[in-house]
Amino acid sequence: MREATRRGITLRQSYTRMAAHAFLQHGRYAKAKQMKRARRMQKKRKVYWGRVFRDLQRKLAADPTHRHACQAPFDRIERVLTQQRRDKQKLRGGPRNSDRVLGYNL
């Protein structure tokens, strides 16, 4: 998202506050051993990341100059969003790594 704002690309909705709230709730639920609720918050965050990613893809499809500059972070985001539990060579670092790739400041 930071890269998009630097380049003057306006997003439909950034979900920064909602993602931050889901992150905090995930931590609280996990500490209280409420794992189903924690997983639900983690899934919500992944949904937010996917929405922002798809919105950026749509915006950058119209302007290929920006697309080339953002290719490396996009590859990492796509990898984080599509990796499965059983996959080898997962991107480690948990959800904070994904937030850094998307540009959330949590």
PDB file of N, CA and C in Angstrom:
ATOM      1  N   MET A   1       0.803  -1.182   0.000  1.00  0.00           N
ATOM      2  CA  MET A   1       0.000   0.000   0.000  1.00  0.00           C
ATOM      3  C   MET A   1       0.850   1.252   0.000  1.00  0.00           C
ATOM      4  N   ARG A   2       1.951   1.201   0.716  1.00  0.00           N
ATOM      5  CA  ARG A   2       2.833   2.367   0.723  1.00  0.00           C
ATOM      6  C   ARG A   2       3.323   2.662  -0.682  1.00  0.00           C
ATOM      7  N   GLU A   3       3.668   1.607  -1.394  1.00  0.00           N
ATOM      8  CA  GLU A   3       4.158   1.775  -2.765  1.00  0.00           C
ATOM      9  C   GLU A   3       3.066   2.380  -3.650  1.00  0.00           C
ATOM     10  N   ALA A   4       1.850   1.974  -3.446  1.00  0.00           N
ATOM     11  CA  ALA A   4       0.738   2.513  -4.239  1.00  0.00           C
ATOM     12  C   ALA A   4       0.530   3.992  -3.948  1.00  0.00           C
ATOM     13  N   THR A   5       0.596   4.371  -2.682  1.00  0.00           N
ATOM     14  CA  THR A   5       0.402   5.787  -2.363  1.00  0.00           C
ATOM     15  C   THR A   5       1.562   6.628  -2.870  1.00  0.00           C
ATOM     16  N   ARG A   6       2.760   6.072  -2.854  1.00  0.00           N
ATOM     17  CA  ARG A   6       3.911   6.806  -3.409  1.00  0.00           C
ATOM     18  C   ARG A   6       3.736   7.078  -4.891  1.00  0.00           C
ATOM     19  N   ARG A   7       3.146   6.121  -5.577  1.00  0.00           N
ATOM     20  CA  ARG A   7       2.980   6.252  -7.023  1.00  0.00           C
ATOM     21  C   ARG A   7       1.663   6.934  -7.409  1.00  0.00           C
ATOM     22  N   GLY A   8       0.889   7.344  -6.424  1.00  0.00           N
ATOM     23  CA  GLY A   8      -0.343   8.068  -6.708  1.00  0.00           C
ATOM     24  C   GLY A   8      -1.510   7.188  -7.110  1.00  0.00           C
ATOM     25  N   ILE A   9      -1.483   5.923  -6.746  1.00  0.00           N
ATOM     26  CA  ILE A   9      -2.571   5.005  -7.064  1.00  0.00           C
ATOM     27  C   ILE A   9      -3.548   5.014  -5.891  1.00  0.00           C
ATOM     28  N   THR A  10      -4.786   5.367  -6.170  1.00  0.00           N
ATOM     29  CA  THR A  10      -5.783   5.388  -5.097  1.00  0.00           C
ATOM     30  C   THR A  10      -6.477   4.038  -5.038  1.00  0.00           C
ATOM     31  N   LEU A  11      -6.553   3.498  -3.836  1.00  0.00           N
ATOM     32  CA  LEU A  11      -7.201   2.207  -3.642  1.00  0.00           C
ATOM     33  C   LEU A  11      -8.674   2.408  -3.338  1.00  0.00           C
ATOM     34  N   ARG A  12      -9.455   1.397  -3.622  1.00  0.00           N
ATOM     35  CA  ARG A  12     -10.878   1.446  -3.336  1.00  0.00           C
ATOM     36  C   ARG A  12     -11.104   1.527  -1.838  1.00  0.00           C
ATOM     37  N   GLN A  13     -10.391   0.691  -1.092  1.00  0.00           N
ATOM     38  CA  GLN A  13     -10.467   0.682   0.365  1.00  0.00           C
ATOM     39  C   GLN A  13      -9.179   0.036   0.855  1.00  0.00           C
ATOM     40  N   SER A  14      -8.552   0.593   1.885  1.00  0.00           N
ATOM     41  CA  SER A  14      -7.237   0.093   2.285  1.00  0.00           C
ATOM     42  C   SER A  14      -7.287  -0.929   3.412  1.00  0.00           C
ATOM     43  N   TYR A  15      -8.331  -0.949   4.210  1.00  0.00           N
ATOM     44  CA  TYR A  15      -8.493  -1.916   5.301  1.00  0.00           C
ATOM     45  C   TYR A  15      -7.420  -1.797   6.371  1.00  0.00           C
ATOM     46  N   THR A  16      -6.714  -0.689   6.471  1.00  0.00           N
ATOM     47  CA  THR A  16      -5.635  -0.594   7.457  1.00  0.00           C
ATOM     48  C   THR A  16      -6.160  -0.684   8.878  1.00  0.00           C
ATOM     49  N   ARG A  17      -7.209   0.034   9.183  1.00  0.00           N
ATOM     50  CA  ARG A  17      -7.738  -0.012  10.557  1.00  0.00           C
ATOM     51  C   ARG A  17      -8.346  -1.370  10.865  1.00  0.00           C
ATOM     52  N   MET A  18      -9.050  -1.927   9.899  1.00  0.00           N
ATOM     53  CA  MET A  18      -9.679  -3.225  10.123  1.00  0.00           C
ATOM     54  C   MET A  18      -8.633  -4.321  10.282  1.00  0.00           C
ATOM     55  N   ALA A  19      -7.554  -4.251   9.503  1.00  0.00           N
ATOM     56  CA  ALA A  19      -6.486  -5.244   9.622  1.00  0.00           C
ATOM     57  C   ALA A  19      -5.772  -5.109  10.957  1.00  0.00           C
ATOM     58  N   ALA A  20      -5.567  -3.884  11.399  1.00  0.00           N
ATOM     59  CA  ALA A  20      -4.920  -3.676  12.693  1.00  0.00           C
ATOM     60  C   ALA A  20      -5.794  -4.213  13.818  1.00  0.00           C
ATOM     61  N   HIS A  21      -7.085  -3.975  13.734  1.00  0.00           N
ATOM     62  CA  HIS A  21      -8.006  -4.476  14.755  1.00  0.00           C
ATOM     63  C   HIS A  21      -8.029  -6.009  14.758  1.00  0.00           C
ATOM     64  N   ALA A  22      -8.067  -6.612  13.580  1.00  0.00           N
ATOM     65  CA  ALA A  22      -8.071  -8.074  13.491  1.00  0.00           C
ATOM     66  C   ALA A  22      -6.770  -8.649  14.044  1.00  0.00           C
ATOM     67  N   PHE A  23      -5.658  -7.955  13.822  1.00  0.00           N
ATOM     68  CA  PHE A  23      -4.367  -8.408  14.348  1.00  0.00           C
ATOM     69  C   PHE A  23      -4.381  -8.413  15.875  1.00  0.00           C
ATOM     70  N   LEU A  24      -4.876  -7.333  16.462  1.00  0.00           N
ATOM     71  CA  LEU A  24      -4.936  -7.252  17.921  1.00  0.00           C
ATOM     72  C   LEU A  24      -5.883  -8.301  18.494  1.00  0.00           C
ATOM     73  N   GLN A  25      -7.032  -8.464  17.866  1.00  0.00           N
ATOM     74  CA  GLN A  25      -7.990  -9.453  18.343  1.00  0.00           C
ATOM     75  C   GLN A  25      -7.423 -10.864  18.240  1.00  0.00           C
ATOM     76  N   HIS A  26      -6.690 -11.140  17.165  1.00  0.00           N
ATOM     77  CA  HIS A  26      -6.071 -12.458  17.013  1.00  0.00           C
ATOM     78  C   HIS A  26      -5.146 -12.749  18.184  1.00  0.00           C
ATOM     79  N   GLY A  27      -4.329 -11.785  18.545  1.00  0.00           N
ATOM     80  CA  GLY A  27      -3.419 -11.970  19.668  1.00  0.00           C
ATOM     81  C   GLY A  27      -4.148 -12.182  20.979  1.00  0.00           C
ATOM     82  N   ARG A  28      -5.208 -11.430  21.174  1.00  0.00           N
ATOM     83  CA  ARG A  28      -5.979 -11.571  22.414  1.00  0.00           C
ATOM     84  C   ARG A  28      -6.657 -12.931  22.497  1.00  0.00           C
ATOM     85  N   TYR A  29      -7.259 -13.355  21.398  1.00  0.00           N
ATOM     86  CA  TYR A  29      -7.929 -14.651  21.398  1.00  0.00           C
ATOM     87  C   TYR A  29      -6.929 -15.789  21.583  1.00  0.00           C
ATOM     88  N   ALA A  30      -5.775 -15.674  20.945  1.00  0.00           N
ATOM     89  CA  ALA A  30      -4.771 -16.734  21.065  1.00  0.00           C
ATOM     90  C   ALA A  30      -4.254 -16.826  22.496  1.00  0.00           C
ATOM     91  N   LYS A  31      -4.045 -15.701  23.134  1.00  0.00           N
ATOM     92  CA  LYS A  31      -3.569 -15.715  24.515  1.00  0.00           C
ATOM     93  C   LYS A  31      -4.606 -16.325  25.458  1.00  0.00           C
ATOM     94  N   ALA A  32      -5.870 -16.095  25.157  1.00  0.00           N
ATOM     95  CA  ALA A  32      -6.942 -16.638  25.984  1.00  0.00           C
ATOM     96  C   ALA A  32      -7.279 -18.083  25.605  1.00  0.00           C
ATOM     97  N   LYS A  33      -6.476 -18.686  24.729  1.00  0.00           N
ATOM     98  CA  LYS A  33      -6.655 -20.069  24.277  1.00  0.00           C
ATOM     99  C   LYS A  33      -7.986 -20.275  23.541  1.00  0.00           C
ATOM    100  N   GLN A  34      -8.465 -19.234  22.884  1.00  0.00           N
ATOM    101  CA  GLN A  34      -9.690 -19.326  22.089  1.00  0.00           C
ATOM    102  C   GLN A  34      -9.278 -19.440  20.626  1.00  0.00           C
ATOM    103  N   MET A  35      -8.807 -20.622  20.261  1.00  0.00           N
ATOM    104  CA  MET A  35      -8.136 -20.802  18.979  1.00  0.00           C
ATOM    105  C   MET A  35      -9.070 -20.675  17.778  1.00  0.00           C
ATOM    106  N   LYS A  36     -10.317 -21.075  17.920  1.00  0.00           N
ATOM    107  CA  LYS A  36     -11.229 -20.935  16.782  1.00  0.00           C
ATOM    108  C   LYS A  36     -11.463 -19.460  16.454  1.00  0.00           C
ATOM    109  N   ARG A  37     -11.642 -18.669  17.491  1.00  0.00           N
ATOM    110  CA  ARG A  37     -11.818 -17.232  17.270  1.00  0.00           C
ATOM    111  C   ARG A  37     -10.538 -16.611  16.722  1.00  0.00           C
ATOM    112  N   ALA A  38      -9.392 -17.057  17.216  1.00  0.00           N
ATOM    113  CA  ALA A  38      -8.112 -16.531  16.729  1.00  0.00           C
ATOM    114  C   ALA A  38      -7.928 -16.859  15.256  1.00  0.00           C
ATOM    115  N   ARG A  39      -8.265 -18.088  14.868  1.00  0.00           N
ATOM    116  CA  ARG A  39      -8.152 -18.473  13.459  1.00  0.00           C
ATOM    117  C   ARG A  39      -9.087 -17.644  12.589  1.00  0.00           C
ATOM    118  N   ARG A  40     -10.265 -17.342  13.118  1.00  0.00           N
ATOM    119  CA  ARG A  40     -11.216 -16.530  12.362  1.00  0.00           C
ATOM    120  C   ARG A  40     -10.654 -15.131  12.098  1.00  0.00           C
ATOM    121  N   MET A  41      -9.999 -14.544  13.089  1.00  0.00           N
ATOM    122  CA  MET A  41      -9.392 -13.222  12.910  1.00  0.00           C
ATOM    123  C   MET A  41      -8.224 -13.292  11.929  1.00  0.00           C
ATOM    124  N   GLN A  42      -7.454 -14.366  12.007  1.00  0.00           N
ATOM    125  CA  GLN A  42      -6.331 -14.524  11.084  1.00  0.00           C
ATOM    126  C   GLN A  42      -6.849 -14.660   9.651  1.00  0.00           C
ATOM    127  N   LYS A  43      -7.939 -15.388   9.494  1.00  0.00           N
ATOM    128  CA  LYS A  43      -8.525 -15.551   8.170  1.00  0.00           C
ATOM    129  C   LYS A  43      -9.071 -14.219   7.645  1.00  0.00           C
ATOM    130  N   LYS A  44      -9.658 -13.419   8.536  1.00  0.00           N
ATOM    131  CA  LYS A  44     -10.148 -12.100   8.140  1.00  0.00           C
ATOM    132  C   LYS A  44      -9.018 -11.246   7.590  1.00  0.00           C
ATOM    133  N   ARG A  45      -7.876 -11.292   8.271  1.00  0.00           N
ATOM    134  CA  ARG A  45      -6.730 -10.498   7.808  1.00  0.00           C
ATOM    135  C   ARG A  45      -6.275 -10.950   6.437  1.00  0.00           C
ATOM    136  N   LYS A  46      -6.270 -12.253   6.219  1.00  0.00           N
ATOM    137  CA  LYS A  46      -5.857 -12.766   4.918  1.00  0.00           C
ATOM    138  C   LYS A  46      -6.840 -12.323   3.835  1.00  0.00           C
ATOM    139  N   VAL A  47      -8.119 -12.262   4.175  1.00  0.00           N
ATOM    140  CA  VAL A  47      -9.131 -11.768   3.237  1.00  0.00           C
ATOM    141  C   VAL A  47      -8.858 -10.305   2.897  1.00  0.00           C
ATOM    142  N   TYR A  48      -8.530  -9.509   3.908  1.00  0.00           N
ATOM    143  CA  TYR A  48      -8.216  -8.097   3.664  1.00  0.00           C
ATOM    144  C   TYR A  48      -7.008  -7.964   2.743  1.00  0.00           C
ATOM    145  N   TRP A  49      -5.962  -8.766   3.004  1.00  0.00           N
ATOM    146  CA  TRP A  49      -4.764  -8.707   2.159  1.00  0.00           C
ATOM    147  C   TRP A  49      -5.115  -9.045   0.721  1.00  0.00           C
ATOM    148  N   GLY A  50      -5.943 -10.084   0.540  1.00  0.00           N
ATOM    149  CA  GLY A  50      -6.337 -10.488  -0.805  1.00  0.00           C
ATOM    150  C   GLY A  50      -7.121  -9.409  -1.523  1.00  0.00           C
ATOM    151  N   ARG A  51      -8.019  -8.746  -0.807  1.00  0.00           N
ATOM    152  CA  ARG A  51      -8.814  -7.677  -1.420  1.00  0.00           C
ATOM    153  C   ARG A  51      -7.934  -6.527  -1.877  1.00  0.00           C
ATOM    154  N   VAL A  52      -7.009  -6.126  -1.021  1.00  0.00           N
ATOM    155  CA  VAL A  52      -6.105  -5.025  -1.376  1.00  0.00           C
ATOM    156  C   VAL A  52      -5.220  -5.436  -2.547  1.00  0.00           C
ATOM    157  N   PHE A  53      -4.726  -6.663  -2.512  1.00  0.00           N
ATOM    158  CA  PHE A  53      -3.853  -7.165  -3.576  1.00  0.00           C
ATOM    159  C   PHE A  53      -4.582  -7.182  -4.915  1.00  0.00           C
ATOM    160  N   ARG A  54      -5.808  -7.699  -4.931  1.00  0.00           N
ATOM    161  CA  ARG A  54      -6.565  -7.750  -6.182  1.00  0.00           C
ATOM    162  C   ARG A  54      -6.909  -6.348  -6.683  1.00  0.00           C
ATOM    163  N   ASP A  55      -7.194  -5.445  -5.763  1.00  0.00           N
ATOM    164  CA  ASP A  55      -7.478  -4.066  -6.158  1.00  0.00           C
ATOM    165  C   ASP A  55      -6.241  -3.433  -6.791  1.00  0.00           C
ATOM    166  N   LEU A  56      -5.083  -3.662  -6.181  1.00  0.00           N
ATOM    167  CA  LEU A  56      -3.838  -3.139  -6.756  1.00  0.00           C
ATOM    168  C   LEU A  56      -3.566  -3.748  -8.125  1.00  0.00           C
ATOM    169  N   GLN A  57      -3.815  -5.032  -8.273  1.00  0.00           N
ATOM    170  CA  GLN A  57      -3.608  -5.669  -9.569  1.00  0.00           C
ATOM    171  C   GLN A  57      -4.487  -5.030 -10.641  1.00  0.00           C
ATOM    172  N   ARG A  58      -5.742  -4.776 -10.299  1.00  0.00           N
ATOM    173  CA  ARG A  58      -6.650  -4.141 -11.267  1.00  0.00           C
ATOM    174  C   ARG A  58      -6.163  -2.751 -11.649  1.00  0.00           C
ATOM    175  N   LYS A  59      -5.726  -1.987 -10.656  1.00  0.00           N
ATOM    176  CA  LYS A  59      -5.272  -0.618 -10.930  1.00  0.00           C
ATOM    177  C   LYS A  59      -3.992  -0.617 -11.762  1.00  0.00           C
ATOM    178  N   LEU A  60      -3.095  -1.563 -11.470  1.00  0.00           N
ATOM    179  CA  LEU A  60      -1.818  -1.582 -12.172  1.00  0.00           C
ATOM    180  C   LEU A  60      -1.910  -2.224 -13.549  1.00  0.00           C
ATOM    181  N   ALA A  61      -2.963  -2.977 -13.803  1.00  0.00           N
ATOM    182  CA  ALA A  61      -3.133  -3.565 -15.131  1.00  0.00           C
ATOM    183  C   ALA A  61      -3.319  -2.467 -16.172  1.00  0.00           C
ATOM    184  N   ALA A  62      -3.919  -1.367 -15.756  1.00  0.00           N
ATOM    185  CA  ALA A  62      -4.138  -0.253 -16.677  1.00  0.00           C
ATOM    186  C   ALA A  62      -2.858   0.539 -16.932  1.00  0.00           C
ATOM    187  N   ASP A  63      -1.903   0.486 -16.005  1.00  0.00           N
ATOM    188  CA  ASP A  63      -0.669   1.264 -16.132  1.00  0.00           C
ATOM    189  C   ASP A  63       0.545   0.345 -15.990  1.00  0.00           C
ATOM    190  N   PRO A  64       1.092  -0.161 -17.097  1.00  0.00           N
ATOM    191  CA  PRO A  64       2.181  -1.143 -17.022  1.00  0.00           C
ATOM    192  C   PRO A  64       3.500  -0.592 -16.478  1.00  0.00           C
ATOM    193  N   THR A  65       3.701   0.718 -16.481  1.00  0.00           N
ATOM    194  CA  THR A  65       4.961   1.251 -15.951  1.00  0.00           C
ATOM    195  C   THR A  65       5.054   1.023 -14.448  1.00  0.00           C
ATOM    196  N   HIS A  66       3.960   1.227 -13.745  1.00  0.00           N
ATOM    197  CA  HIS A  66       3.948   0.969 -12.309  1.00  0.00           C
ATOM    198  C   HIS A  66       4.028  -0.527 -12.029  1.00  0.00           C
ATOM    199  N   ARG A  67       3.423  -1.326 -12.879  1.00  0.00           N
ATOM    200  CA  ARG A  67       3.398  -2.782 -12.678  1.00  0.00           C
ATOM    201  C   ARG A  67       4.817  -3.339 -12.652  1.00  0.00           C
ATOM    202  N   HIS A  68       5.659  -2.869 -13.535  1.00  0.00           N
ATOM    203  CA  HIS A  68       7.033  -3.367 -13.590  1.00  0.00           C
ATOM    204  C   HIS A  68       7.794  -3.006 -12.318  1.00  0.00           C
ATOM    205  N   ALA A  69       7.559  -1.830 -11.786  1.00  0.00           N
ATOM    206  CA  ALA A  69       8.266  -1.389 -10.582  1.00  0.00           C
ATOM    207  C   ALA A  69       7.819  -2.156  -9.343  1.00  0.00           C
ATOM    208  N   CYS A  70       6.585  -2.617  -9.319  1.00  0.00           N
ATOM    209  CA  CYS A  70       6.035  -3.307  -8.135  1.00  0.00           C
ATOM    210  C   CYS A  70       6.058  -4.822  -8.273  1.00  0.00           C
ATOM    211  N   GLN A  71       6.764  -5.358  -9.238  1.00  0.00           N
ATOM    212  CA  GLN A  71       6.699  -6.791  -9.513  1.00  0.00           C
ATOM    213  C   GLN A  71       7.246  -7.644  -8.369  1.00  0.00           C
ATOM    214  N   ALA A  72       8.376  -7.264  -7.787  1.00  0.00           N
ATOM    215  CA  ALA A  72       8.981  -8.085  -6.724  1.00  0.00           C
ATOM    216  C   ALA A  72       8.092  -8.179  -5.482  1.00  0.00           C
ATOM    217  N   PRO A  73       7.571  -7.074  -4.955  1.00  0.00           N
ATOM    218  CA  PRO A  73       6.664  -7.217  -3.805  1.00  0.00           C
ATOM    219  C   PRO A  73       5.396  -7.992  -4.153  1.00  0.00           C
ATOM    220  N   PHE A  74       4.897  -7.836  -5.381  1.00  0.00           N
ATOM    221  CA  PHE A  74       3.688  -8.554  -5.778  1.00  0.00           C
ATOM    222  C   PHE A  74       3.911 -10.055  -5.789  1.00  0.00           C
ATOM    223  N   ASP A  75       5.089 -10.480  -6.219  1.00  0.00           N
ATOM    224  CA  ASP A  75       5.383 -11.912  -6.216  1.00  0.00           C
ATOM    225  C   ASP A  75       5.364 -12.468  -4.797  1.00  0.00           C
ATOM    226  N   ARG A  76       5.928 -11.719  -3.858  1.00  0.00           N
ATOM    227  CA  ARG A  76       5.934 -12.158  -2.458  1.00  0.00           C
ATOM    228  C   ARG A  76       4.522 -12.188  -1.875  1.00  0.00           C
ATOM    229  N   ILE A  77       3.725 -11.178  -2.185  1.00  0.00           N
ATOM    230  CA  ILE A  77       2.354 -11.132  -1.679  1.00  0.00           C
ATOM    231  C   ILE A  77       1.561 -12.315  -2.218  1.00  0.00           C
ATOM    232  N   GLU A  78       1.690 -12.559  -3.510  1.00  0.00           N
ATOM    233  CA  GLU A  78       0.957 -13.664  -4.116  1.00  0.00           C
ATOM    234  C   GLU A  78       1.373 -14.998  -3.507  1.00  0.00           C
ATOM    235  N   ARG A  79       2.647 -15.132  -3.227  1.00  0.00           N
ATOM    236  CA  ARG A  79       3.147 -16.363  -2.617  1.00  0.00           C
ATOM    237  C   ARG A  79       2.589 -16.546  -1.207  1.00  0.00           C
ATOM    238  N   VAL A  80       2.542 -15.473  -0.437  1.00  0.00           N
ATOM    239  CA  VAL A  80       1.987 -15.541   0.919  1.00  0.00           C
ATOM    240  C   VAL A  80       0.511 -15.906   0.867  1.00  0.00           C
ATOM    241  N   LEU A  81      -0.227 -15.329  -0.071  1.00  0.00           N
ATOM    242  CA  LEU A  81      -1.666 -15.564  -0.133  1.00  0.00           C
ATOM    243  C   LEU A  81      -2.022 -16.952  -0.646  1.00  0.00           C
ATOM    244  N   THR A  82      -1.160 -17.551  -1.444  1.00  0.00           N
ATOM    245  CA  THR A  82      -1.501 -18.843  -2.042  1.00  0.00           C
ATOM    246  C   THR A  82      -0.848 -20.033  -1.365  1.00  0.00           C
ATOM    247  N   GLN A  83       0.079 -19.810  -0.448  1.00  0.00           N
ATOM    248  CA  GLN A  83       0.761 -20.958   0.142  1.00  0.00           C
ATOM    249  C   GLN A  83      -0.175 -21.736   1.062  1.00  0.00           C
ATOM    250  N   GLN A  84       0.030 -23.038   1.070  1.00  0.00           N
ATOM    251  CA  GLN A  84      -0.771 -23.942   1.878  1.00  0.00           C
ATOM    252  C   GLN A  84       0.074 -24.503   3.009  1.00  0.00           C
ATOM    253  N   ARG A  85      -0.559 -25.144   3.943  1.00  0.00           N
ATOM    254  CA  ARG A  85       0.136 -25.675   5.108  1.00  0.00           C
ATOM    255  C   ARG A  85       1.169 -26.726   4.717  1.00  0.00           C
ATOM    256  N   ARG A  86       0.831 -27.555   3.734  1.00  0.00           N
ATOM    257  CA  ARG A  86       1.715 -28.665   3.359  1.00  0.00           C
ATOM    258  C   ARG A  86       2.793 -28.271   2.345  1.00  0.00           C
ATOM    259  N   ASP A  87       2.788 -27.044   1.867  1.00  0.00           N
ATOM    260  CA  ASP A  87       3.756 -26.602   0.865  1.00  0.00           C
ATOM    261  C   ASP A  87       5.164 -26.549   1.434  1.00  0.00           C
ATOM    262  N   LYS A  88       6.116 -26.818   0.584  1.00  0.00           N
ATOM    263  CA  LYS A  88       7.523 -26.657   0.946  1.00  0.00           C
ATOM    264  C   LYS A  88       7.949 -25.232   0.604  1.00  0.00           C
ATOM    265  N   GLN A  89       9.011 -24.778   1.227  1.00  0.00           N
ATOM    266  CA  GLN A  89       9.587 -23.451   0.960  1.00  0.00           C
ATOM    267  C   GLN A  89       8.566 -22.335   1.178  1.00  0.00           C
ATOM    268  N   LYS A  90       7.886 -22.392   2.312  1.00  0.00           N
ATOM    269  CA  LYS A  90       6.939 -21.327   2.638  1.00  0.00           C
ATOM    270  C   LYS A  90       7.703 -20.065   3.025  1.00  0.00           C
ATOM    271  N   LEU A  91       7.064 -18.933   2.815  1.00  0.00           N
ATOM    272  CA  LEU A  91       7.621 -17.688   3.326  1.00  0.00           C
ATOM    273  C   LEU A  91       7.369 -17.660   4.822  1.00  0.00           C
ATOM    274  N   ARG A  92       8.412 -17.546   5.594  1.00  0.00           N
ATOM    275  CA  ARG A  92       8.280 -17.565   7.050  1.00  0.00           C
ATOM    276  C   ARG A  92       8.128 -16.154   7.571  1.00  0.00           C
ATOM    277  N   GLY A  93       7.880 -16.057   8.838  1.00  0.00           N
ATOM    278  CA  GLY A  93       7.757 -14.757   9.465  1.00  0.00           C
ATOM    279  C   GLY A  93       6.337 -14.452   9.877  1.00  0.00           C
ATOM    280  N   GLY A  94       5.409 -15.323   9.539  1.00  0.00           N
ATOM    281  CA  GLY A  94       4.041 -15.157   9.980  1.00  0.00           C
ATOM    282  C   GLY A  94       3.349 -13.985   9.321  1.00  0.00           C
ATOM    283  N   PRO A  95       2.244 -13.588   9.898  1.00  0.00           N
ATOM    284  CA  PRO A  95       1.450 -12.530   9.280  1.00  0.00           C
ATOM    285  C   PRO A  95       2.138 -11.174   9.276  1.00  0.00           C
ATOM    286  N   ARG A  96       3.047 -10.924  10.205  1.00  0.00           N
ATOM    287  CA  ARG A  96       3.747  -9.637  10.220  1.00  0.00           C
ATOM    288  C   ARG A  96       4.564  -9.462   8.943  1.00  0.00           C
ATOM    289  N   ASN A  97       5.162 -10.560   8.449  1.00  0.00           N
ATOM    290  CA  ASN A  97       5.914 -10.500   7.204  1.00  0.00           C
ATOM    291  C   ASN A  97       4.994 -10.060   6.067  1.00  0.00           C
ATOM    292  N   SER A  98       3.800 -10.600   6.032  1.00  0.00           N
ATOM    293  CA  SER A  98       2.850 -10.233   4.988  1.00  0.00           C
ATOM    294  C   SER A  98       2.441  -8.777   5.117  1.00  0.00           C
ATOM    295  N   ASP A  99       2.262  -8.325   6.351  1.00  0.00           N
ATOM    296  CA  ASP A  99       1.902  -6.926   6.558  1.00  0.00           C
ATOM    297  C   ASP A  99       2.989  -6.014   6.024  1.00  0.00           C
ATOM    298  N   ARG A 100       4.241  -6.394   6.245  1.00  0.00           N
ATOM    299  CA  ARG A 100       5.350  -5.578   5.776  1.00  0.00           C
ATOM    300  C   ARG A 100       5.356  -5.538   4.256  1.00  0.00           C
ATOM    301  N   VAL A 101       5.052  -6.658   3.618  1.00  0.00           N
ATOM    302  CA  VAL A 101       5.026  -6.703   2.165  1.00  0.00           C
ATOM    303  C   VAL A 101       3.911  -5.817   1.630  1.00  0.00           C
ATOM    304  N   LEU A 102       2.742  -5.872   2.270  1.00  0.00           N
ATOM    305  CA  LEU A 102       1.624  -5.054   1.810  1.00  0.00           C
ATOM    306  C   LEU A 102       1.745  -3.602   2.234  1.00  0.00           C
ATOM    307  N   GLY A 103       2.580  -3.311   3.213  1.00  0.00           N
ATOM    308  CA  GLY A 103       2.795  -1.939   3.626  1.00  0.00           C
ATOM    309  C   GLY A 103       1.942  -1.492   4.787  1.00  0.00           C
ATOM    310  N   TYR A 104       1.360  -2.428   5.517  1.00  0.00           N
ATOM    311  CA  TYR A 104       0.604  -2.047   6.708  1.00  0.00           C
ATOM    312  C   TYR A 104       1.575  -1.677   7.805  1.00  0.00           C
ATOM    313  N   ASN A 105       1.278  -0.644   8.540  1.00  0.00           N
ATOM    314  CA  ASN A 105       2.089  -0.260   9.692  1.00  0.00           C
ATOM    315  C   ASN A 105       1.340  -0.654  10.946  1.00  0.00           C
ATOM    316  N   LEU A 106       1.585  -1.855  11.421  1.00  0.00           N
ATOM    317  CA  LEU A 106       0.896  -2.320  12.629  1.00  0.00           C
ATOM    318  C   LEU A 106       1.833  -2.292  13.796  1.00  0.00           C
TER     319      LEU A 106
END
